[in-house]
Amino acid sequence: MATFNDPQAAKEATEKFNAAAAASKVRNVKFTTVSGEQVGLLYTPEEVKEINYLSDIGYPGEFPYTRGIHNTGYRGKLWTMRQFAGFGTPEDTNQRFKYLLEHGQTGLSTAFDLPTLMGRDADDPFSEGEVGICGVSVSSLADMEILFQGIPLDKVTTSMTINAPAAMILAMYVAVGEKQGLKSNVLRGTIQNDILKEYIAQKEWIYPPLPSMRIITDMFQYCSKELPQFNPISVSGYHIREAGSTSVQELAFTLADGFAYIEAGIAAGLDVDDFAPRISYFFNSHLDFFEEIAKFRAARRIYAKRMRYKYGAKNPKSWTLRFHTQTAGCTLTAQQPENNIVRTAIQALAGVLGGTQSLHTNSMDETLALPSDKAVKIALRTQQIIADETGVANMVDPLGGSYFVESLTTKMEEGAERYFEKIEMLGGVIPAIEQGFFQREIAEAAYRYQRELDTKDKIIVGVNQYIEEDEKIDIPILAISPDVEIKQKKRLAELKQSRNQASVDQSLKELKQAAADGSNLMPHLLNASRNYVTVGEMCNSLIEHFGIYEEVAVF
């Protein structure tokens, strides 16, 4: 790091600058990050004098990976452009997948509807009115076969955003691969499967924490042997941030969840180096440009140190934090929605400068409806412009060495470590969830930010400043027809009439037995999927043994 070579000259120069700054006019606003952290007027070598370049920052592709996990950054390979897609019937989403691939997307990312996320089939009474609305409706292998029809699964990587029924959906994905004549060891992709984040922020769970963790460690064990190129979990800070957390909270709570999964895998008898290299992460890229870049850099550094020194991982691949980034949906506005294109571009640039491995850019219309074809193409073109026109992919970590960025990275790391100490004092992540710690912290942060918006200490263009009266929204809106639910219920009814009921019953019997005797659940879920047992049927059979989680109210 750069230093003051002449301390006396530095002191005089600093005093001169401070005097000039004190006499200058300053706008009457709060100079803080989105998360509320104070930002200094100027950063100098004084702020980074305690930072050791080799041990704290280092070179790209080398421990502690502050500057990135690859030596050549995006010179070697651009990030995967993975637009989140899913709506209506499997046929609808299959067409959207193909549209995105034709326009240059390099990986698929699947959004499921609320019934599927909750482990309920399209014909479940609780699914009424929600089938295909916020994502694609998938009740069985028959739906998954249509969803990926004409898409060779050995040629694309697929991300699937689902948690409580993640094991069931992964089993169906493997079964689709088998239908295509593929062995499971060639399948590449990620399934979110982050149930701890659900208890903390998103609230889509089925089973209590301990049996949920058992399912996840079963998936770790199974995937390490049968799906070596597939990520069995994507530990998600995205939804924690969307719920209202600060940047430091997102960083700390996400990594704390990740370490809880590491500890669960070790406790289940797995070697950390057998499953840790396939754990991935998923972060939000919010609007405070430098804060987000510092967050990504701090995440890699914290993770590398913990994995190497606390958990004893010996494989360098276990030390490297690989992550997907999505621009912040919570920052998009229904007012003046075209402004969202600009917000998304800035957030995407922060993700790239922070060294993400894959990226989803939100569409301008997502506060109004699921994105239209035009809006999603603009979002994809945003990534392509960053990659091919801006020059930011030409070098690794171009902001490395910035007094401000390095200082902020260290502050983010220190803030996360303070949270780790609090969580440990509460007994760990699951006891902290049960005591409402995470939920209260996020709620308080969200309240503080809303107060700042109400008092205009923070500005959202078009919402609390630069408002356009009598604004008319003139962009196409994607509408989901009620026919989707009718079609999905009909398909499911026909499936239940045509499948071999004896095979269904035997599959469910074996699944229940595995839940009771502690056997790995994945082979039984795969067998059930092959026999066209539905998502709801598999989930309900496990409920009989594991029960349903009920959250303690937090005030």
Protein backbone atom coordinates (compact mmCIF):
# COMPACT_ATOMS: atom_id res chain seq x y z
CA MET A 1 0.00 0.00 0.00
CA ALA A 2 1.10 3.57 -0.67
CA THR A 3 2.46 5.47 2.36
CA PHE A 4 3.51 8.97 3.35
CA ASN A 5 7.27 9.04 2.79
CA ASP A 6 7.72 12.29 4.72
CA PRO A 7 5.56 12.30 7.90
CA GLN A 8 6.11 16.00 8.61
CA ALA A 9 5.21 17.04 5.05
CA ALA A 10 2.17 14.75 5.24
CA LYS A 11 1.04 16.36 8.49
CA GLU A 12 1.33 19.86 7.03
CA ALA A 13 -0.47 18.88 3.83
CA THR A 14 -3.27 17.24 5.78
CA GLU A 15 -3.74 20.25 8.05
CA LYS A 16 -3.83 22.55 5.02
CA PHE A 17 -6.42 20.38 3.30
CA ASN A 18 -8.60 20.09 6.41
CA ALA A 19 -8.59 23.86 6.87
CA ALA A 20 -9.59 24.43 3.26
CA ALA A 21 -12.34 21.79 3.47
CA ALA A 22 -13.70 23.29 6.71
CA ALA A 23 -14.02 26.68 5.02
CA SER A 24 -15.78 25.26 1.97
CA LYS A 25 -19.50 25.00 1.36
CA VAL A 26 -21.03 21.57 1.99
CA ARG A 27 -24.50 20.36 0.98
CA ASN A 28 -26.95 19.83 3.85
CA VAL A 29 -27.31 16.07 3.45
CA LYS A 30 -26.20 12.99 5.36
CA PHE A 31 -23.02 11.58 3.86
CA THR A 32 -23.64 7.94 4.69
CA THR A 33 -23.90 4.69 2.77
CA VAL A 34 -27.29 3.10 2.07
CA SER A 35 -26.65 1.02 5.20
CA GLY A 36 -26.13 4.14 7.30
CA GLU A 37 -22.35 4.00 7.68
CA GLN A 38 -20.54 7.34 7.80
CA VAL A 39 -18.44 8.16 4.73
CA GLY A 40 -15.40 10.40 5.14
CA LEU A 41 -14.69 13.34 2.87
CA LEU A 42 -11.36 11.92 1.74
CA TYR A 43 -9.37 8.72 2.20
CA THR A 44 -5.58 8.73 2.32
CA PRO A 45 -2.75 6.29 3.15
CA GLU A 46 -3.55 6.97 6.82
CA GLU A 47 -6.77 4.90 6.52
CA VAL A 48 -4.95 1.84 5.18
CA LYS A 49 -1.67 2.00 7.09
CA GLU A 50 -2.53 -1.14 9.10
CA ILE A 51 -3.34 -3.19 6.00
CA ASN A 52 -0.69 -5.65 4.86
CA TYR A 53 -0.90 -6.14 1.12
CA LEU A 54 0.20 -9.77 0.94
CA SER A 55 -1.71 -11.13 3.94
CA ASP A 56 -4.86 -8.98 3.74
CA ILE A 57 -5.27 -8.28 0.03
CA GLY A 58 -2.90 -10.46 -1.97
CA TYR A 59 -3.02 -11.37 -5.63
CA PRO A 60 -6.06 -12.55 -7.60
CA GLY A 61 -6.45 -16.31 -7.47
CA GLU A 62 -4.37 -16.55 -4.31
CA PHE A 63 -5.25 -16.71 -0.62
CA PRO A 64 -7.10 -14.81 0.88
CA TYR A 65 -8.78 -14.10 -2.49
CA THR A 66 -9.74 -10.52 -1.63
CA ARG A 67 -9.03 -9.55 -5.25
CA GLY A 68 -10.88 -12.51 -6.80
CA ILE A 69 -10.72 -16.29 -7.05
CA HIS A 70 -9.17 -16.45 -10.54
CA ASN A 71 -5.70 -15.23 -11.52
CA THR A 72 -6.90 -13.74 -14.80
CA GLY A 73 -10.34 -12.51 -13.71
CA TYR A 74 -12.70 -12.04 -16.64
CA ARG A 75 -9.86 -12.27 -19.15
CA GLY A 76 -10.10 -16.03 -18.73
CA LYS A 77 -13.90 -16.32 -18.69
CA LEU A 78 -16.69 -13.78 -18.43
CA TRP A 79 -19.26 -14.17 -15.70
CA THR A 80 -22.25 -16.36 -16.54
CA MET A 81 -25.17 -14.23 -17.71
CA ARG A 82 -28.04 -15.98 -15.99
CA GLN A 83 -31.42 -14.25 -16.23
CA PHE A 84 -34.05 -15.44 -13.74
CA ALA A 85 -37.04 -16.81 -15.67
CA GLY A 86 -40.21 -18.70 -14.89
CA PHE A 87 -43.92 -18.09 -15.25
CA GLY A 88 -47.16 -19.82 -16.15
CA THR A 89 -47.02 -23.34 -17.51
CA PRO A 90 -43.84 -25.32 -18.19
CA GLU A 91 -44.47 -24.65 -21.89
CA ASP A 92 -44.46 -20.88 -21.27
CA THR A 93 -41.17 -20.95 -19.39
CA ASN A 94 -39.58 -23.36 -21.87
CA GLN A 95 -40.25 -20.77 -24.59
CA ARG A 96 -38.72 -18.00 -22.42
CA PHE A 97 -35.64 -20.16 -21.77
CA LYS A 98 -35.12 -20.66 -25.49
CA TYR A 99 -35.70 -16.95 -26.17
CA LEU A 100 -32.99 -15.99 -23.67
CA LEU A 101 -30.52 -18.57 -24.97
CA GLU A 102 -31.09 -17.32 -28.52
CA HIS A 103 -30.24 -13.76 -27.38
CA GLY A 104 -26.94 -14.66 -25.74
CA GLN A 105 -27.75 -15.84 -22.22
CA THR A 106 -25.18 -18.38 -21.07
CA GLY A 107 -27.03 -20.14 -18.24
CA LEU A 108 -30.60 -20.86 -17.18
CA SER A 109 -32.15 -19.68 -13.91
CA THR A 110 -35.53 -21.07 -12.89
CA ALA A 111 -38.21 -19.31 -10.85
CA PHE A 112 -40.97 -21.50 -9.43
CA ASP A 113 -44.46 -20.40 -8.42
CA LEU A 114 -45.48 -20.08 -4.78
CA PRO A 115 -47.28 -23.47 -4.53
CA THR A 116 -44.17 -25.27 -5.80
CA LEU A 117 -41.95 -23.29 -3.42
CA MET A 118 -44.17 -24.41 -0.54
CA GLY A 119 -44.21 -28.06 -1.63
CA ARG A 120 -47.82 -28.02 -2.84
CA ASP A 121 -49.18 -29.34 -6.12
CA ALA A 122 -51.30 -27.37 -8.57
CA ASP A 123 -54.45 -29.18 -7.41
CA ASP A 124 -53.89 -28.45 -3.71
CA PRO A 125 -56.68 -26.22 -2.31
CA PHE A 126 -54.02 -23.86 -0.89
CA SER A 127 -52.64 -23.36 -4.41
CA GLU A 128 -55.79 -21.78 -5.77
CA GLY A 129 -55.14 -18.45 -7.45
CA GLU A 130 -51.34 -18.79 -7.27
CA VAL A 131 -50.58 -21.44 -9.91
CA GLY A 132 -48.01 -20.09 -12.37
CA ILE A 133 -48.35 -16.51 -11.09
CA CYS A 134 -44.90 -15.73 -9.63
CA GLY A 135 -42.99 -18.50 -11.40
CA VAL A 136 -43.43 -21.73 -13.29
CA SER A 137 -45.80 -24.38 -11.96
CA VAL A 138 -44.10 -27.76 -11.40
CA SER A 139 -45.94 -30.60 -9.72
CA SER A 140 -44.23 -33.67 -11.19
CA LEU A 141 -41.58 -35.07 -13.50
CA ALA A 142 -44.06 -34.62 -16.36
CA ASP A 143 -43.87 -30.83 -15.83
CA MET A 144 -40.07 -30.90 -15.59
CA GLU A 145 -39.81 -32.85 -18.84
CA ILE A 146 -41.77 -30.12 -20.63
CA LEU A 147 -39.85 -27.34 -18.87
CA PHE A 148 -36.53 -28.54 -20.35
CA GLN A 149 -37.82 -29.99 -23.60
CA GLY A 150 -35.36 -29.33 -26.42
CA ILE A 151 -32.72 -28.00 -24.02
CA PRO A 152 -29.75 -30.39 -23.71
CA LEU A 153 -28.85 -30.43 -20.03
CA ASP A 154 -25.25 -31.39 -20.74
CA LYS A 155 -24.79 -28.13 -22.70
CA VAL A 156 -26.18 -25.57 -20.23
CA THR A 157 -25.88 -24.86 -16.53
CA THR A 158 -29.18 -24.55 -14.68
CA SER A 159 -29.90 -22.66 -11.48
CA MET A 160 -33.11 -23.47 -9.61
CA THR A 161 -34.35 -21.10 -6.92
CA ILE A 162 -36.23 -23.32 -4.50
CA ASN A 163 -35.58 -24.27 -0.90
CA ALA A 164 -37.90 -26.42 1.22
CA PRO A 165 -38.68 -28.88 -1.64
CA ALA A 166 -35.21 -28.49 -3.20
CA ALA A 167 -34.36 -32.18 -2.83
CA MET A 168 -37.51 -33.18 -4.73
CA ILE A 169 -36.86 -30.73 -7.56
CA LEU A 170 -33.22 -31.80 -7.84
CA ALA A 171 -34.32 -35.44 -8.05
CA MET A 172 -36.69 -34.53 -10.89
CA TYR A 173 -33.92 -32.63 -12.69
CA VAL A 174 -31.70 -35.72 -12.53
CA ALA A 175 -34.59 -37.81 -13.85
CA VAL A 176 -35.03 -35.40 -16.79
CA GLY A 177 -31.33 -35.83 -17.54
CA GLU A 178 -31.82 -39.60 -17.54
CA LYS A 179 -34.68 -39.17 -20.02
CA GLN A 180 -32.20 -37.31 -22.25
CA GLY A 181 -29.77 -40.23 -21.96
CA LEU A 182 -27.39 -38.37 -19.66
CA LYS A 183 -25.53 -39.59 -16.61
CA SER A 184 -25.90 -37.42 -13.55
CA ASN A 185 -22.16 -36.69 -13.39
CA VAL A 186 -22.39 -34.43 -16.47
CA LEU A 187 -25.16 -32.21 -15.05
CA ARG A 188 -24.00 -28.71 -14.07
CA GLY A 189 -25.85 -26.05 -12.15
CA THR A 190 -27.02 -24.92 -8.74
CA ILE A 191 -30.05 -25.45 -6.54
CA GLN A 192 -30.63 -22.81 -3.86
CA ASN A 193 -31.60 -25.14 -1.02
CA ASP A 194 -30.84 -22.51 1.67
CA ILE A 195 -33.43 -23.22 4.34
CA LEU A 196 -31.79 -21.17 7.10
CA LYS A 197 -32.33 -18.03 5.04
CA GLU A 198 -36.01 -18.98 4.79
CA TYR A 199 -36.42 -18.97 8.56
CA ILE A 200 -34.57 -15.64 8.71
CA ALA A 201 -36.07 -13.69 5.82
CA GLN A 202 -38.14 -15.26 3.05
CA LYS A 203 -40.44 -17.49 5.15
CA GLU A 204 -40.98 -20.36 2.69
CA TRP A 205 -40.34 -23.43 4.82
CA ILE A 206 -41.95 -26.79 5.48
CA TYR A 207 -40.02 -28.75 8.11
CA PRO A 208 -38.34 -27.62 11.36
CA PRO A 209 -34.64 -26.65 11.22
CA LEU A 210 -33.01 -29.89 12.34
CA PRO A 211 -34.72 -32.26 9.87
CA SER A 212 -34.24 -29.63 7.18
CA MET A 213 -30.50 -29.65 7.88
CA ARG A 214 -30.55 -33.47 7.69
CA ILE A 215 -32.05 -33.26 4.18
CA ILE A 216 -29.35 -30.80 3.13
CA THR A 217 -26.48 -32.95 4.42
CA ASP A 218 -28.03 -35.91 2.59
CA MET A 219 -27.86 -33.79 -0.56
CA PHE A 220 -24.22 -32.87 0.15
CA GLN A 221 -23.30 -36.53 0.45
CA TYR A 222 -25.28 -37.61 -2.61
CA CYS A 223 -24.08 -34.81 -4.88
CA SER A 224 -20.42 -35.24 -3.93
CA LYS A 225 -20.62 -38.77 -5.35
CA GLU A 226 -23.29 -38.64 -8.06
CA LEU A 227 -23.39 -34.99 -9.22
CA PRO A 228 -19.80 -33.76 -8.81
CA GLN A 229 -20.33 -30.75 -11.08
CA PHE A 230 -23.55 -29.60 -9.42
CA ASN A 231 -23.78 -27.13 -6.52
CA PRO A 232 -26.19 -28.66 -3.95
CA ILE A 233 -26.67 -25.33 -2.18
CA SER A 234 -26.50 -21.61 -2.88
CA VAL A 235 -26.32 -19.79 0.44
CA SER A 236 -28.40 -16.71 -0.17
CA GLY A 237 -27.91 -13.25 1.24
CA TYR A 238 -30.07 -11.83 -1.52
CA HIS A 239 -33.35 -12.37 0.30
CA ILE A 240 -31.88 -11.18 3.60
CA ARG A 241 -31.07 -7.87 1.91
CA GLU A 242 -34.45 -7.71 0.19
CA ALA A 243 -36.07 -8.07 3.63
CA GLY A 244 -34.38 -4.83 4.70
CA SER A 245 -30.97 -5.72 6.11
CA THR A 246 -27.90 -3.55 5.87
CA SER A 247 -24.95 -4.55 3.72
CA VAL A 248 -22.96 -5.72 6.76
CA GLN A 249 -25.92 -7.75 8.01
CA GLU A 250 -26.31 -9.40 4.62
CA LEU A 251 -22.61 -10.27 4.62
CA ALA A 252 -22.53 -11.57 8.19
CA PHE A 253 -25.83 -13.47 8.21
CA THR A 254 -25.14 -15.12 4.85
CA LEU A 255 -21.69 -16.32 5.84
CA ALA A 256 -22.96 -17.42 9.27
CA ASP A 257 -25.55 -19.58 7.48
CA GLY A 258 -22.86 -20.95 5.20
CA PHE A 259 -20.65 -21.87 8.13
CA ALA A 260 -23.63 -23.56 9.81
CA TYR A 261 -24.01 -25.78 6.74
CA ILE A 262 -20.29 -26.54 6.81
CA GLU A 263 -20.54 -27.56 10.46
CA ALA A 264 -23.63 -29.70 9.77
CA GLY A 265 -21.81 -31.53 6.99
CA ILE A 266 -18.81 -32.20 9.22
CA ALA A 267 -21.10 -33.36 12.05
CA ALA A 268 -22.76 -35.77 9.60
CA GLY A 269 -19.38 -37.42 9.06
CA LEU A 270 -18.44 -35.81 5.75
CA ASP A 271 -14.92 -34.64 4.96
CA VAL A 272 -15.07 -30.87 4.50
CA ASP A 273 -13.06 -31.07 1.29
CA ASP A 274 -15.55 -33.54 -0.18
CA PHE A 275 -18.48 -31.09 -0.16
CA ALA A 276 -17.23 -27.54 0.52
CA PRO A 277 -15.87 -26.93 -3.02
CA ARG A 278 -19.43 -27.24 -4.38
CA ILE A 279 -21.04 -24.77 -1.97
CA SER A 280 -21.92 -21.54 -3.74
CA TYR A 281 -23.24 -18.20 -2.51
CA PHE A 282 -25.77 -15.66 -3.75
CA PHE A 283 -25.55 -11.95 -2.94
CA ASN A 284 -27.60 -8.85 -3.56
CA SER A 285 -26.05 -5.90 -5.37
CA HIS A 286 -27.69 -2.81 -3.92
CA LEU A 287 -27.33 0.83 -4.95
CA ASP A 288 -24.42 2.02 -2.82
CA PHE A 289 -21.74 1.32 -5.40
CA PHE A 290 -18.58 1.19 -3.29
CA GLU A 291 -20.24 -0.45 -0.27
CA GLU A 292 -21.37 -3.36 -2.44
CA ILE A 293 -17.94 -3.83 -4.03
CA ALA A 294 -16.34 -3.83 -0.57
CA LYS A 295 -18.91 -6.37 0.63
CA PHE A 296 -18.00 -8.84 -2.12
CA ARG A 297 -14.27 -8.43 -1.46
CA ALA A 298 -14.71 -8.84 2.30
CA ALA A 299 -16.85 -11.95 1.79
CA ARG A 300 -14.06 -13.74 -0.06
CA ARG A 301 -11.48 -12.81 2.55
CA ILE A 302 -13.57 -13.85 5.55
CA TYR A 303 -14.56 -17.12 3.91
CA ALA A 304 -11.03 -18.09 2.92
CA LYS A 305 -9.68 -17.52 6.43
CA ARG A 306 -12.47 -19.43 8.17
CA MET A 307 -12.40 -22.37 5.80
CA ARG A 308 -8.64 -22.74 6.06
CA TYR A 309 -8.02 -22.01 9.71
CA LYS A 310 -11.26 -22.89 11.55
CA TYR A 311 -12.64 -25.78 9.51
CA GLY A 312 -9.28 -27.21 8.45
CA ALA A 313 -10.02 -27.42 4.74
CA LYS A 314 -6.87 -28.42 2.83
CA ASN A 315 -8.13 -28.10 -0.74
CA PRO A 316 -7.76 -24.49 -1.98
CA LYS A 317 -11.08 -24.93 -3.80
CA SER A 318 -12.69 -25.19 -0.36
CA TRP A 319 -11.26 -21.77 0.51
CA THR A 320 -12.69 -19.95 -2.50
CA LEU A 321 -16.08 -18.31 -2.20
CA ARG A 322 -17.91 -18.56 -5.53
CA PHE A 323 -21.03 -16.43 -5.82
CA HIS A 324 -23.91 -15.39 -8.02
CA THR A 325 -25.19 -11.81 -7.88
CA GLN A 326 -28.62 -10.38 -8.57
CA THR A 327 -29.34 -6.69 -8.76
CA ALA A 328 -31.58 -5.41 -5.98
CA GLY A 329 -35.27 -5.93 -6.65
CA CYS A 330 -36.16 -3.88 -3.58
CA THR A 331 -34.66 -0.76 -5.21
CA LEU A 332 -36.90 -0.95 -8.29
CA THR A 333 -39.80 1.49 -8.40
CA ALA A 334 -43.24 1.36 -9.97
CA GLN A 335 -42.93 5.11 -10.51
CA GLN A 336 -40.93 6.08 -13.61
CA PRO A 337 -40.03 2.42 -14.25
CA GLU A 338 -37.55 3.27 -17.02
CA ASN A 339 -35.29 4.62 -14.25
CA ASN A 340 -34.90 1.02 -13.15
CA ILE A 341 -32.73 0.35 -16.22
CA VAL A 342 -30.19 2.84 -14.85
CA ARG A 343 -30.37 1.47 -11.32
CA THR A 344 -29.83 -2.07 -12.60
CA ALA A 345 -26.86 -1.07 -14.75
CA ILE A 346 -25.09 0.55 -11.77
CA GLN A 347 -25.78 -2.42 -9.53
CA ALA A 348 -24.61 -4.86 -12.20
CA LEU A 349 -21.39 -2.91 -12.62
CA ALA A 350 -20.78 -3.15 -8.86
CA GLY A 351 -21.25 -6.93 -9.06
CA VAL A 352 -18.75 -7.18 -11.88
CA LEU A 353 -16.18 -4.94 -10.17
CA GLY A 354 -16.72 -7.03 -7.04
CA GLY A 355 -15.77 -10.20 -8.96
CA THR A 356 -19.04 -12.14 -9.27
CA GLN A 357 -19.07 -15.50 -11.08
CA SER A 358 -22.59 -15.11 -12.48
CA LEU A 359 -25.10 -12.29 -12.70
CA HIS A 360 -28.82 -11.66 -13.06
CA THR A 361 -29.95 -8.18 -14.01
CA ASN A 362 -33.49 -7.23 -13.02
CA SER A 363 -35.94 -5.97 -15.60
CA MET A 364 -37.46 -2.50 -15.44
CA ASP A 365 -41.03 -3.77 -15.05
CA GLU A 366 -40.57 -6.23 -12.18
CA THR A 367 -42.37 -4.09 -9.60
CA LEU A 368 -45.44 -4.23 -11.84
CA ALA A 369 -45.43 -7.83 -13.08
CA LEU A 370 -43.19 -10.64 -14.23
CA PRO A 371 -40.88 -9.24 -16.92
CA SER A 372 -41.96 -8.93 -20.53
CA ASP A 373 -39.78 -10.21 -23.38
CA LYS A 374 -38.65 -6.67 -24.21
CA ALA A 375 -37.77 -5.78 -20.61
CA VAL A 376 -35.80 -8.97 -20.02
CA LYS A 377 -33.87 -8.47 -23.25
CA ILE A 378 -32.87 -4.94 -22.13
CA ALA A 379 -31.71 -6.42 -18.83
CA LEU A 380 -29.61 -9.01 -20.64
CA ARG A 381 -28.20 -6.37 -23.03
CA THR A 382 -27.12 -4.39 -19.93
CA GLN A 383 -24.76 -7.20 -18.97
CA GLN A 384 -23.49 -7.55 -22.52
CA ILE A 385 -22.72 -3.82 -22.73
CA ILE A 386 -20.78 -3.99 -19.45
CA ALA A 387 -18.85 -7.02 -20.72
CA ASP A 388 -18.06 -5.82 -24.24
CA GLU A 389 -18.14 -2.02 -24.24
CA THR A 390 -16.96 -0.59 -20.90
CA GLY A 391 -13.51 -2.15 -20.58
CA VAL A 392 -14.06 -3.18 -16.95
CA ALA A 393 -13.40 -6.84 -17.76
CA ASN A 394 -9.92 -6.09 -19.03
CA MET A 395 -8.20 -6.23 -15.64
CA VAL A 396 -8.73 -7.96 -12.31
CA ASP A 397 -10.09 -5.95 -9.37
CA PRO A 398 -9.48 -2.50 -10.90
CA LEU A 399 -10.47 -0.77 -7.63
CA GLY A 400 -7.97 -2.75 -5.57
CA GLY A 401 -5.61 -0.41 -3.77
CA SER A 402 -8.16 2.40 -3.54
CA TYR A 403 -7.79 3.95 -0.10
CA PHE A 404 -11.58 4.11 0.23
CA VAL A 405 -12.35 0.63 -1.09
CA GLU A 406 -9.64 -1.08 0.97
CA SER A 407 -10.68 0.81 4.11
CA LEU A 408 -14.34 -0.04 3.52
CA THR A 409 -13.51 -3.70 2.83
CA THR A 410 -11.75 -3.94 6.19
CA LYS A 411 -14.64 -2.22 7.98
CA MET A 412 -17.09 -4.67 6.41
CA GLU A 413 -14.97 -7.58 7.60
CA GLU A 414 -14.79 -6.15 11.13
CA GLY A 415 -18.55 -5.57 11.20
CA ALA A 416 -19.22 -9.13 10.13
CA GLU A 417 -16.88 -10.51 12.77
CA ARG A 418 -18.79 -8.61 15.46
CA TYR A 419 -22.00 -10.25 14.30
CA PHE A 420 -20.35 -13.70 14.32
CA GLU A 421 -19.49 -13.14 17.98
CA LYS A 422 -23.10 -12.23 18.82
CA ILE A 423 -24.44 -15.29 16.99
CA GLU A 424 -21.97 -17.56 18.78
CA MET A 425 -23.03 -16.12 22.13
CA LEU A 426 -26.63 -17.06 21.31
CA GLY A 427 -25.59 -20.67 20.68
CA GLY A 428 -25.26 -20.63 16.89
CA VAL A 429 -27.44 -19.90 13.90
CA ILE A 430 -30.42 -22.15 14.67
CA PRO A 431 -30.78 -21.00 18.32
CA ALA A 432 -30.43 -17.40 17.10
CA ILE A 433 -33.24 -18.01 14.59
CA GLU A 434 -35.43 -19.54 17.28
CA GLN A 435 -34.80 -16.50 19.50
CA GLY A 436 -35.69 -14.10 16.67
CA PHE A 437 -32.26 -12.44 16.61
CA PHE A 438 -31.87 -12.17 12.86
CA GLN A 439 -35.47 -11.17 12.33
CA ARG A 440 -35.25 -8.30 14.84
CA GLU A 441 -31.96 -7.02 13.45
CA ILE A 442 -33.36 -6.92 9.92
CA ALA A 443 -36.63 -5.33 11.01
CA GLU A 444 -34.81 -2.57 12.88
CA ALA A 445 -32.55 -1.87 9.88
CA ALA A 446 -35.54 -1.73 7.53
CA TYR A 447 -37.31 0.68 9.89
CA ARG A 448 -34.30 3.00 10.08
CA TYR A 449 -34.02 3.12 6.29
CA GLN A 450 -37.73 3.82 5.86
CA ARG A 451 -37.47 6.69 8.33
CA GLU A 452 -34.65 8.16 6.24
CA LEU A 453 -36.84 7.98 3.15
CA ASP A 454 -39.76 9.57 4.98
CA THR A 455 -37.57 12.48 6.13
CA LYS A 456 -35.79 12.66 2.74
CA ASP A 457 -32.42 12.01 4.32
CA LYS A 458 -32.23 9.42 1.56
CA ILE A 459 -33.64 10.07 -1.90
CA ILE A 460 -35.36 7.70 -4.30
CA VAL A 461 -35.81 9.42 -7.64
CA GLY A 462 -39.44 9.49 -8.65
CA VAL A 463 -40.68 8.35 -5.24
CA ASN A 464 -39.81 10.99 -2.63
CA GLN A 465 -38.11 13.46 -4.98
CA TYR A 466 -38.48 14.45 -8.64
CA ILE A 467 -42.05 13.15 -8.62
CA GLU A 468 -44.15 13.30 -11.78
CA GLU A 469 -47.80 14.02 -11.08
CA ASP A 470 -50.42 12.10 -13.08
CA GLU A 471 -47.73 9.77 -14.42
CA LYS A 472 -48.87 7.24 -17.00
CA ILE A 473 -47.04 3.91 -17.25
CA ASP A 474 -46.44 3.15 -20.91
CA ILE A 475 -44.64 -0.19 -20.94
CA PRO A 476 -46.02 -3.65 -21.81
CA ILE A 477 -47.11 -5.75 -18.81
CA LEU A 478 -47.02 -9.54 -18.76
CA ALA A 479 -50.34 -10.98 -17.53
CA ILE A 480 -50.80 -14.59 -16.41
CA SER A 481 -54.06 -16.09 -17.67
CA PRO A 482 -56.38 -18.02 -15.32
CA ASP A 483 -56.17 -20.74 -17.97
CA VAL A 484 -52.73 -21.64 -16.59
CA GLU A 485 -54.22 -23.05 -13.39
CA ILE A 486 -56.91 -24.92 -15.31
CA LYS A 487 -54.33 -26.46 -17.65
CA GLN A 488 -51.99 -27.48 -14.84
CA LYS A 489 -54.78 -29.10 -12.82
CA LYS A 490 -55.94 -31.01 -15.88
CA ARG A 491 -52.42 -32.26 -16.65
CA LEU A 492 -52.00 -33.41 -13.05
CA ALA A 493 -55.35 -35.22 -13.04
CA GLU A 494 -54.43 -37.06 -16.23
CA LEU A 495 -51.03 -37.98 -14.79
CA LYS A 496 -52.58 -39.47 -11.66
CA GLN A 497 -54.91 -41.56 -13.83
CA SER A 498 -52.16 -42.88 -16.08
CA ARG A 499 -49.25 -43.57 -13.71
CA ASN A 500 -48.63 -46.89 -11.98
CA GLN A 501 -50.24 -46.40 -8.59
CA ALA A 502 -48.58 -49.48 -7.09
CA SER A 503 -45.15 -48.00 -7.93
CA VAL A 504 -46.22 -44.67 -6.44
CA ASP A 505 -47.32 -46.30 -3.20
CA GLN A 506 -44.14 -48.37 -2.92
CA SER A 507 -41.96 -45.30 -3.59
CA LEU A 508 -43.66 -43.33 -0.83
CA LYS A 509 -43.40 -46.27 1.59
CA GLU A 510 -39.65 -46.52 0.98
CA LEU A 511 -39.24 -42.75 1.35
CA LYS A 512 -40.99 -42.76 4.72
CA GLN A 513 -38.84 -45.67 5.87
CA ALA A 514 -35.66 -43.83 4.87
CA ALA A 515 -36.79 -40.77 6.82
CA ALA A 516 -37.32 -42.93 9.89
CA ASP A 517 -34.15 -45.03 9.73
CA GLY A 518 -31.75 -42.22 8.75
CA SER A 519 -30.90 -43.50 5.28
CA ASN A 520 -29.92 -40.95 2.63
CA LEU A 521 -33.16 -39.61 1.19
CA MET A 522 -31.91 -38.70 -2.28
CA PRO A 523 -31.98 -42.17 -3.92
CA HIS A 524 -35.55 -42.63 -2.69
CA LEU A 525 -36.63 -39.19 -3.93
CA LEU A 526 -35.09 -39.99 -7.32
CA ASN A 527 -36.94 -43.29 -7.50
CA ALA A 528 -40.19 -41.55 -6.54
CA SER A 529 -39.63 -38.93 -9.24
CA ARG A 530 -39.10 -41.62 -11.87
CA ASN A 531 -42.46 -43.05 -10.85
CA TYR A 532 -44.12 -39.63 -11.25
CA VAL A 533 -44.80 -39.12 -7.56
CA THR A 534 -45.66 -35.44 -7.21
CA VAL A 535 -43.80 -32.76 -5.28
CA GLY A 536 -46.70 -32.48 -2.84
CA GLU A 537 -46.88 -36.22 -2.26
CA MET A 538 -43.18 -36.47 -1.49
CA CYS A 539 -43.24 -33.44 0.82
CA ASN A 540 -46.32 -34.66 2.66
CA SER A 541 -44.83 -38.10 3.23
CA LEU A 542 -41.85 -36.50 4.99
CA ILE A 543 -44.11 -34.22 7.03
CA GLU A 544 -45.49 -37.36 8.67
CA HIS A 545 -42.04 -37.99 10.18
CA PHE A 546 -40.45 -34.52 10.37
CA GLY A 547 -43.46 -32.34 11.20
CA ILE A 548 -44.07 -28.71 10.18
CA TYR A 549 -42.18 -25.67 11.47
CA GLU A 550 -44.06 -22.92 13.29
CA GLU A 551 -42.27 -19.62 13.74
CA VAL A 552 -42.18 -17.88 17.11
CA ALA A 553 -43.61 -14.36 16.83
CA VAL A 554 -41.03 -11.58 16.98
CA PHE A 555 -41.92 -8.09 18.21
